[in-house]
Amino acid sequence: MNRFLMFKLPSAYLCGVRLKELDAEKAVATVKYRWINQNPFNSMYFAVQSMAAELTTGTIVIQKIQESGQKISMLVTNHSGAFTKKAVGRITFTCADGHLIDEALKRTIETGEGETIQMKSFGIDAQGDQVSAYEFEWSIKLRTKK
C-alpha cells in the first residue's frame, strides 16, 4: 500500500504519510512533523493531517471493495476536521469504522443504488493527546457498463 501511496498520492508520500496497519476493521497511518509538512505556526500543516486521516478511511473502503469482487466506484463527497492541539512529533491517525462499510456495500450491490458512509479518523500525538479529528463522507456506487 505504501508503494501505491508513492505512485498514486506522491504528495502524501513526500510529506511522510505512511500506512502502518490495515485490517477489516481498522487502518492506522503515521506522519512525522518535519520541514516539508510544516505550517507558519511551527506545527504540521492541516492538509498533511487531512491526507493521513483520509488514507486511514479510504484504504479500508478500497480493501472492502476489492474483497467484494464488484466494480464499485468511491469518492469523498464531504469532510470536516477539528484541531485541538498543535501537531508536532509523530502523529498517528486511526480509523476503526470498517464495520460501517460492509452493510453499505451489501445494499449497493443488491439495489444498484449509491450509498454514503461517514467514517472518522483521529490524530493522536506521542503523548497520547488528540491533536485532530476528521470525518469523511465516502460515496460508493456500482459502476454501470456503457
N, C-alpha and C. Protein backbone atom coordinates (compact mmCIF):
# COMPACT_ATOMS: atom_id res chain seq x y z
N MET A 1 0.82 -1.20 0.00
CA MET A 1 0.00 0.00 0.00
C MET A 1 0.87 1.26 0.00
N ASN A 2 2.02 1.22 0.68
CA ASN A 2 2.89 2.40 0.66
C ASN A 2 3.48 2.64 -0.72
N ARG A 3 3.68 1.57 -1.50
CA ARG A 3 4.12 1.74 -2.90
C ARG A 3 3.02 2.42 -3.70
N PHE A 4 1.76 2.01 -3.47
CA PHE A 4 0.61 2.66 -4.09
C PHE A 4 0.62 4.14 -3.73
N LEU A 5 0.87 4.43 -2.48
CA LEU A 5 0.91 5.80 -2.00
C LEU A 5 1.97 6.61 -2.74
N MET A 6 3.14 6.02 -2.93
CA MET A 6 4.23 6.73 -3.59
C MET A 6 3.87 7.10 -5.03
N PHE A 7 3.20 6.19 -5.75
CA PHE A 7 2.90 6.44 -7.16
C PHE A 7 1.58 7.14 -7.40
N LYS A 8 0.58 6.90 -6.57
CA LYS A 8 -0.75 7.48 -6.80
C LYS A 8 -1.04 8.72 -5.96
N LEU A 9 -0.35 8.85 -4.83
CA LEU A 9 -0.51 10.02 -3.96
C LEU A 9 0.87 10.54 -3.57
N PRO A 10 1.64 10.99 -4.55
CA PRO A 10 3.04 11.35 -4.26
C PRO A 10 3.19 12.47 -3.23
N SER A 11 2.25 13.41 -3.17
CA SER A 11 2.39 14.49 -2.19
C SER A 11 2.28 13.95 -0.76
N ALA A 12 1.39 13.00 -0.55
CA ALA A 12 1.28 12.38 0.78
C ALA A 12 2.56 11.63 1.11
N TYR A 13 3.07 10.89 0.14
CA TYR A 13 4.30 10.13 0.36
C TYR A 13 5.47 11.06 0.69
N LEU A 14 5.62 12.13 -0.10
CA LEU A 14 6.73 13.06 0.13
C LEU A 14 6.62 13.76 1.48
N CYS A 15 5.41 13.97 1.95
CA CYS A 15 5.20 14.61 3.26
C CYS A 15 5.40 13.64 4.42
N GLY A 16 5.60 12.35 4.12
CA GLY A 16 5.90 11.39 5.17
C GLY A 16 4.74 10.55 5.65
N VAL A 17 3.59 10.62 5.01
CA VAL A 17 2.44 9.80 5.41
C VAL A 17 2.73 8.35 5.07
N ARG A 18 2.55 7.46 6.05
CA ARG A 18 2.80 6.03 5.83
C ARG A 18 1.69 5.20 6.48
N LEU A 19 1.19 4.23 5.74
CA LEU A 19 0.21 3.30 6.28
C LEU A 19 0.96 2.27 7.11
N LYS A 20 0.55 2.07 8.35
CA LYS A 20 1.24 1.15 9.25
C LYS A 20 0.44 -0.12 9.52
N GLU A 21 -0.88 -0.03 9.42
CA GLU A 21 -1.72 -1.19 9.75
C GLU A 21 -3.02 -1.10 8.95
N LEU A 22 -3.47 -2.25 8.47
CA LEU A 22 -4.74 -2.31 7.75
C LEU A 22 -5.35 -3.69 7.95
N ASP A 23 -6.57 -3.72 8.46
CA ASP A 23 -7.34 -4.96 8.52
C ASP A 23 -8.79 -4.63 8.23
N ALA A 24 -9.67 -5.57 8.43
CA ALA A 24 -11.08 -5.39 8.05
C ALA A 24 -11.79 -4.31 8.86
N GLU A 25 -11.30 -3.99 10.03
CA GLU A 25 -11.98 -3.03 10.90
C GLU A 25 -11.23 -1.72 11.09
N LYS A 26 -9.91 -1.73 10.88
CA LYS A 26 -9.11 -0.58 11.29
C LYS A 26 -7.95 -0.33 10.33
N ALA A 27 -7.62 0.95 10.20
CA ALA A 27 -6.41 1.36 9.47
C ALA A 27 -5.68 2.39 10.32
N VAL A 28 -4.35 2.30 10.29
CA VAL A 28 -3.50 3.21 11.05
C VAL A 28 -2.44 3.78 10.12
N ALA A 29 -2.29 5.10 10.14
CA ALA A 29 -1.25 5.77 9.37
C ALA A 29 -0.51 6.73 10.29
N THR A 30 0.76 6.96 9.98
CA THR A 30 1.54 7.91 10.77
C THR A 30 2.16 8.96 9.86
N VAL A 31 2.47 10.08 10.46
CA VAL A 31 3.21 11.14 9.77
C VAL A 31 3.96 11.92 10.84
N LYS A 32 5.21 12.24 10.54
CA LYS A 32 6.04 12.96 11.49
C LYS A 32 6.20 14.41 11.05
N TYR A 33 6.05 15.30 12.01
CA TYR A 33 6.25 16.73 11.76
C TYR A 33 7.70 16.95 11.35
N ARG A 34 7.86 17.63 10.20
CA ARG A 34 9.20 17.99 9.73
C ARG A 34 9.08 19.18 8.79
N TRP A 35 10.20 19.62 8.27
CA TRP A 35 10.24 20.84 7.48
C TRP A 35 9.24 20.83 6.32
N ILE A 36 9.15 19.74 5.59
CA ILE A 36 8.32 19.70 4.37
C ILE A 36 6.81 19.76 4.66
N ASN A 37 6.40 19.44 5.87
CA ASN A 37 4.96 19.44 6.15
C ASN A 37 4.56 20.45 7.23
N GLN A 38 5.40 21.44 7.44
CA GLN A 38 5.14 22.44 8.47
C GLN A 38 4.21 23.56 7.98
N ASN A 39 3.62 24.26 8.92
CA ASN A 39 2.88 25.48 8.64
C ASN A 39 3.65 26.65 9.30
N PRO A 40 3.21 27.89 9.12
CA PRO A 40 3.94 29.02 9.71
C PRO A 40 3.87 29.08 11.23
N PHE A 41 3.08 28.21 11.85
CA PHE A 41 2.88 28.23 13.30
C PHE A 41 3.67 27.15 14.02
N ASN A 42 4.67 26.60 13.32
CA ASN A 42 5.55 25.56 13.89
C ASN A 42 4.81 24.30 14.31
N SER A 43 3.88 23.90 13.48
CA SER A 43 3.21 22.61 13.66
C SER A 43 2.90 22.05 12.28
N MET A 44 2.29 20.88 12.25
CA MET A 44 2.01 20.21 10.99
C MET A 44 0.85 20.88 10.26
N TYR A 45 1.06 21.12 8.98
CA TYR A 45 0.05 21.74 8.13
C TYR A 45 -1.22 20.88 8.12
N PHE A 46 -2.37 21.53 8.18
CA PHE A 46 -3.63 20.80 8.26
C PHE A 46 -3.85 19.88 7.07
N ALA A 47 -3.38 20.26 5.89
CA ALA A 47 -3.59 19.43 4.70
C ALA A 47 -2.85 18.10 4.81
N VAL A 48 -1.70 18.10 5.45
CA VAL A 48 -0.95 16.85 5.66
C VAL A 48 -1.72 15.96 6.62
N GLN A 49 -2.27 16.55 7.67
CA GLN A 49 -3.09 15.77 8.60
C GLN A 49 -4.32 15.21 7.86
N SER A 50 -4.89 16.01 6.99
CA SER A 50 -6.06 15.56 6.21
C SER A 50 -5.70 14.37 5.33
N MET A 51 -4.52 14.41 4.70
CA MET A 51 -4.10 13.31 3.83
C MET A 51 -3.96 12.02 4.64
N ALA A 52 -3.35 12.11 5.81
CA ALA A 52 -3.17 10.93 6.65
C ALA A 52 -4.51 10.38 7.13
N ALA A 53 -5.39 11.28 7.54
CA ALA A 53 -6.71 10.86 8.01
C ALA A 53 -7.52 10.22 6.88
N GLU A 54 -7.50 10.86 5.71
CA GLU A 54 -8.23 10.30 4.57
C GLU A 54 -7.69 8.93 4.19
N LEU A 55 -6.38 8.76 4.25
CA LEU A 55 -5.78 7.47 3.93
C LEU A 55 -6.33 6.37 4.83
N THR A 56 -6.50 6.66 6.11
CA THR A 56 -7.00 5.61 7.02
C THR A 56 -8.43 5.21 6.70
N THR A 57 -9.24 6.15 6.26
CA THR A 57 -10.62 5.79 5.92
C THR A 57 -10.68 5.14 4.54
N GLY A 58 -9.98 5.73 3.59
CA GLY A 58 -10.05 5.26 2.21
C GLY A 58 -9.47 3.88 1.98
N THR A 59 -8.40 3.54 2.68
CA THR A 59 -7.80 2.21 2.46
C THR A 59 -8.73 1.09 2.90
N ILE A 60 -9.50 1.33 3.94
CA ILE A 60 -10.46 0.30 4.36
C ILE A 60 -11.54 0.13 3.29
N VAL A 61 -12.02 1.26 2.74
CA VAL A 61 -13.03 1.20 1.69
C VAL A 61 -12.48 0.46 0.47
N ILE A 62 -11.26 0.80 0.05
CA ILE A 62 -10.64 0.14 -1.10
C ILE A 62 -10.54 -1.36 -0.86
N GLN A 63 -10.06 -1.74 0.31
CA GLN A 63 -9.89 -3.16 0.63
C GLN A 63 -11.22 -3.90 0.56
N LYS A 64 -12.26 -3.32 1.13
CA LYS A 64 -13.57 -3.99 1.16
C LYS A 64 -14.18 -4.07 -0.25
N ILE A 65 -13.97 -3.05 -1.06
CA ILE A 65 -14.46 -3.10 -2.44
C ILE A 65 -13.74 -4.21 -3.20
N GLN A 66 -12.43 -4.31 -3.05
CA GLN A 66 -11.68 -5.37 -3.72
C GLN A 66 -12.16 -6.75 -3.28
N GLU A 67 -12.41 -6.91 -1.99
CA GLU A 67 -12.90 -8.19 -1.47
C GLU A 67 -14.27 -8.55 -2.01
N SER A 68 -15.08 -7.55 -2.35
CA SER A 68 -16.44 -7.81 -2.84
C SER A 68 -16.42 -8.41 -4.25
N GLY A 69 -15.36 -8.15 -5.01
CA GLY A 69 -15.28 -8.65 -6.37
C GLY A 69 -16.15 -7.88 -7.35
N GLN A 70 -16.77 -6.81 -6.90
CA GLN A 70 -17.65 -6.00 -7.75
C GLN A 70 -16.90 -4.75 -8.23
N LYS A 71 -17.41 -4.18 -9.32
CA LYS A 71 -16.86 -2.92 -9.81
C LYS A 71 -17.66 -1.79 -9.15
N ILE A 72 -17.04 -1.19 -8.15
CA ILE A 72 -17.70 -0.15 -7.35
C ILE A 72 -16.79 1.07 -7.32
N SER A 73 -17.38 2.23 -7.58
CA SER A 73 -16.61 3.47 -7.51
C SER A 73 -16.75 4.07 -6.11
N MET A 74 -15.76 4.86 -5.76
CA MET A 74 -15.77 5.51 -4.45
C MET A 74 -15.28 6.95 -4.61
N LEU A 75 -15.81 7.83 -3.79
CA LEU A 75 -15.46 9.24 -3.88
C LEU A 75 -15.74 9.91 -2.54
N VAL A 76 -14.82 10.77 -2.10
CA VAL A 76 -15.09 11.59 -0.93
C VAL A 76 -16.07 12.68 -1.36
N THR A 77 -17.21 12.76 -0.69
CA THR A 77 -18.21 13.78 -1.03
C THR A 77 -18.27 14.90 0.00
N ASN A 78 -17.65 14.68 1.14
CA ASN A 78 -17.61 15.73 2.16
C ASN A 78 -16.58 15.33 3.21
N HIS A 79 -16.02 16.31 3.87
CA HIS A 79 -15.15 16.03 5.01
C HIS A 79 -15.08 17.25 5.92
N SER A 80 -14.74 16.99 7.17
CA SER A 80 -14.54 18.08 8.12
C SER A 80 -13.42 17.69 9.07
N GLY A 81 -12.78 18.69 9.63
CA GLY A 81 -11.70 18.44 10.57
C GLY A 81 -11.75 19.42 11.71
N ALA A 82 -11.35 18.94 12.88
CA ALA A 82 -11.27 19.79 14.06
C ALA A 82 -9.88 19.60 14.67
N PHE A 83 -9.29 20.70 15.13
CA PHE A 83 -7.92 20.68 15.62
C PHE A 83 -7.91 21.14 17.07
N THR A 84 -7.33 20.33 17.95
CA THR A 84 -7.40 20.61 19.38
C THR A 84 -6.05 20.88 20.02
N LYS A 85 -4.96 20.59 19.30
CA LYS A 85 -3.62 20.78 19.84
C LYS A 85 -2.65 20.88 18.67
N LYS A 86 -1.54 21.59 18.87
CA LYS A 86 -0.51 21.65 17.83
C LYS A 86 -0.03 20.24 17.51
N ALA A 87 0.10 19.95 16.23
CA ALA A 87 0.57 18.64 15.79
C ALA A 87 2.08 18.73 15.55
N VAL A 88 2.84 18.22 16.51
CA VAL A 88 4.30 18.14 16.40
C VAL A 88 4.72 16.73 16.78
N GLY A 89 5.88 16.33 16.31
CA GLY A 89 6.34 14.95 16.56
C GLY A 89 5.62 14.00 15.62
N ARG A 90 5.54 12.74 16.01
CA ARG A 90 4.86 11.73 15.19
C ARG A 90 3.38 11.69 15.58
N ILE A 91 2.53 11.83 14.56
CA ILE A 91 1.08 11.79 14.78
C ILE A 91 0.56 10.49 14.16
N THR A 92 -0.25 9.78 14.92
CA THR A 92 -0.83 8.52 14.48
C THR A 92 -2.32 8.71 14.26
N PHE A 93 -2.76 8.43 13.03
CA PHE A 93 -4.17 8.54 12.67
C PHE A 93 -4.78 7.15 12.62
N THR A 94 -5.93 7.00 13.25
CA THR A 94 -6.60 5.71 13.31
C THR A 94 -8.06 5.86 12.93
N CYS A 95 -8.51 4.98 12.04
CA CYS A 95 -9.92 4.85 11.72
C CYS A 95 -10.31 3.42 12.07
N ALA A 96 -11.35 3.26 12.86
CA ALA A 96 -11.82 1.94 13.27
C ALA A 96 -13.27 1.72 12.84
N ASP A 97 -13.63 2.24 11.66
CA ASP A 97 -15.01 2.18 11.17
C ASP A 97 -15.24 1.17 10.06
N GLY A 98 -14.40 0.15 9.97
CA GLY A 98 -14.56 -0.85 8.92
C GLY A 98 -15.91 -1.52 8.91
N HIS A 99 -16.50 -1.66 10.08
CA HIS A 99 -17.81 -2.32 10.18
C HIS A 99 -18.91 -1.54 9.45
N LEU A 100 -18.74 -0.26 9.27
CA LEU A 100 -19.76 0.56 8.61
C LEU A 100 -19.85 0.28 7.11
N ILE A 101 -18.77 -0.18 6.53
CA ILE A 101 -18.70 -0.35 5.08
C ILE A 101 -19.45 -1.59 4.61
N ASP A 102 -19.39 -2.65 5.38
CA ASP A 102 -19.98 -3.92 4.96
C ASP A 102 -21.45 -3.80 4.57
N GLU A 103 -22.24 -3.19 5.42
CA GLU A 103 -23.68 -3.08 5.15
C GLU A 103 -23.94 -2.17 3.95
N ALA A 104 -23.20 -1.08 3.84
CA ALA A 104 -23.38 -0.17 2.71
C ALA A 104 -23.02 -0.85 1.39
N LEU A 105 -21.94 -1.62 1.39
CA LEU A 105 -21.56 -2.35 0.17
C LEU A 105 -22.63 -3.38 -0.19
N LYS A 106 -23.14 -4.06 0.80
CA LYS A 106 -24.18 -5.06 0.56
C LYS A 106 -25.41 -4.42 -0.09
N ARG A 107 -25.84 -3.28 0.47
CA ARG A 107 -27.01 -2.58 -0.09
C ARG A 107 -26.75 -2.09 -1.50
N THR A 108 -25.56 -1.55 -1.74
CA THR A 108 -25.21 -1.06 -3.08
C THR A 108 -25.23 -2.19 -4.10
N ILE A 109 -24.66 -3.32 -3.74
CA ILE A 109 -24.62 -4.47 -4.65
C ILE A 109 -26.03 -5.01 -4.91
N GLU A 110 -26.85 -5.09 -3.87
CA GLU A 110 -28.21 -5.63 -4.01
C GLU A 110 -29.14 -4.71 -4.79
N THR A 111 -29.05 -3.40 -4.53
CA THR A 111 -30.01 -2.46 -5.11
C THR A 111 -29.49 -1.71 -6.33
N GLY A 112 -28.16 -1.62 -6.45
CA GLY A 112 -27.58 -0.82 -7.52
C GLY A 112 -27.58 0.66 -7.21
N GLU A 113 -28.13 1.03 -6.06
CA GLU A 113 -28.18 2.43 -5.64
C GLU A 113 -26.91 2.82 -4.90
N GLY A 114 -26.54 4.08 -5.00
CA GLY A 114 -25.38 4.58 -4.27
C GLY A 114 -25.65 4.66 -2.78
N GLU A 115 -24.60 4.60 -2.01
CA GLU A 115 -24.67 4.70 -0.56
C GLU A 115 -23.59 5.66 -0.08
N THR A 116 -23.80 6.25 1.08
CA THR A 116 -22.77 7.07 1.69
C THR A 116 -22.40 6.49 3.06
N ILE A 117 -21.15 6.67 3.42
CA ILE A 117 -20.63 6.15 4.67
C ILE A 117 -19.89 7.29 5.36
N GLN A 118 -20.19 7.52 6.62
CA GLN A 118 -19.48 8.52 7.43
C GLN A 118 -18.42 7.80 8.24
N MET A 119 -17.16 8.15 8.02
CA MET A 119 -16.06 7.49 8.72
C MET A 119 -15.21 8.53 9.44
N LYS A 120 -14.74 8.17 10.64
CA LYS A 120 -13.94 9.08 11.46
C LYS A 120 -12.51 8.59 11.59
N SER A 121 -11.61 9.55 11.68
CA SER A 121 -10.19 9.26 11.91
C SER A 121 -9.68 10.27 12.93
N PHE A 122 -8.91 9.77 13.89
CA PHE A 122 -8.42 10.62 14.96
C PHE A 122 -6.89 10.64 14.95
N GLY A 123 -6.32 11.84 15.08
CA GLY A 123 -4.88 12.02 15.14
C GLY A 123 -4.43 12.15 16.57
N ILE A 124 -3.49 11.28 16.97
CA ILE A 124 -3.01 11.24 18.35
C ILE A 124 -1.50 11.44 18.34
N ASP A 125 -0.99 12.29 19.24
CA ASP A 125 0.46 12.52 19.30
C ASP A 125 1.13 11.48 20.18
N ALA A 126 2.45 11.59 20.31
CA ALA A 126 3.24 10.60 21.07
C ALA A 126 2.89 10.59 22.56
N GLN A 127 2.32 11.68 23.06
CA GLN A 127 1.92 11.73 24.47
C GLN A 127 0.53 11.15 24.70
N GLY A 128 -0.13 10.76 23.61
CA GLY A 128 -1.48 10.20 23.72
C GLY A 128 -2.58 11.22 23.66
N ASP A 129 -2.24 12.46 23.33
CA ASP A 129 -3.24 13.53 23.23
C ASP A 129 -3.79 13.62 21.82
N GLN A 130 -5.08 13.84 21.71
CA GLN A 130 -5.70 14.03 20.39
C GLN A 130 -5.33 15.41 19.87
N VAL A 131 -4.82 15.46 18.64
CA VAL A 131 -4.47 16.74 18.01
C VAL A 131 -5.49 17.13 16.95
N SER A 132 -6.17 16.13 16.37
CA SER A 132 -7.18 16.43 15.35
C SER A 132 -8.17 15.28 15.23
N ALA A 133 -9.34 15.63 14.73
CA ALA A 133 -10.38 14.64 14.47
C ALA A 133 -11.02 14.98 13.13
N TYR A 134 -11.17 13.96 12.30
CA TYR A 134 -11.73 14.14 10.97
C TYR A 134 -12.94 13.25 10.77
N GLU A 135 -13.83 13.72 9.92
CA GLU A 135 -14.94 12.90 9.46
C GLU A 135 -14.98 13.00 7.94
N PHE A 136 -14.97 11.85 7.29
CA PHE A 136 -15.04 11.77 5.83
C PHE A 136 -16.33 11.08 5.43
N GLU A 137 -17.00 11.65 4.44
CA GLU A 137 -18.17 11.02 3.86
C GLU A 137 -17.75 10.41 2.54
N TRP A 138 -17.82 9.09 2.47
CA TRP A 138 -17.50 8.36 1.24
C TRP A 138 -18.78 7.98 0.55
N SER A 139 -18.82 8.18 -0.76
CA SER A 139 -19.93 7.73 -1.58
C SER A 139 -19.45 6.52 -2.37
N ILE A 140 -20.24 5.45 -2.34
CA ILE A 140 -19.92 4.27 -3.15
C ILE A 140 -21.10 3.98 -4.06
N LYS A 141 -20.79 3.50 -5.25
CA LYS A 141 -21.88 3.12 -6.15
C LYS A 141 -21.35 2.13 -7.18
N LEU A 142 -22.27 1.26 -7.59
CA LEU A 142 -21.95 0.25 -8.59
C LEU A 142 -21.64 0.92 -9.90
N ARG A 143 -20.56 0.52 -10.54
CA ARG A 143 -20.24 1.05 -11.86
C ARG A 143 -21.14 0.35 -12.88
N THR A 144 -21.67 1.14 -13.77
CA THR A 144 -22.53 0.58 -14.81
C THR A 144 -21.76 0.53 -16.12
N LYS A 145 -22.05 -0.47 -16.92
CA LYS A 145 -21.41 -0.59 -18.23
C LYS A 145 -22.03 0.39 -19.19
N LYS A 146 -21.19 1.00 -20.03
CA LYS A 146 -21.71 1.97 -21.02
C LYS A 146 -21.53 1.42 -22.41
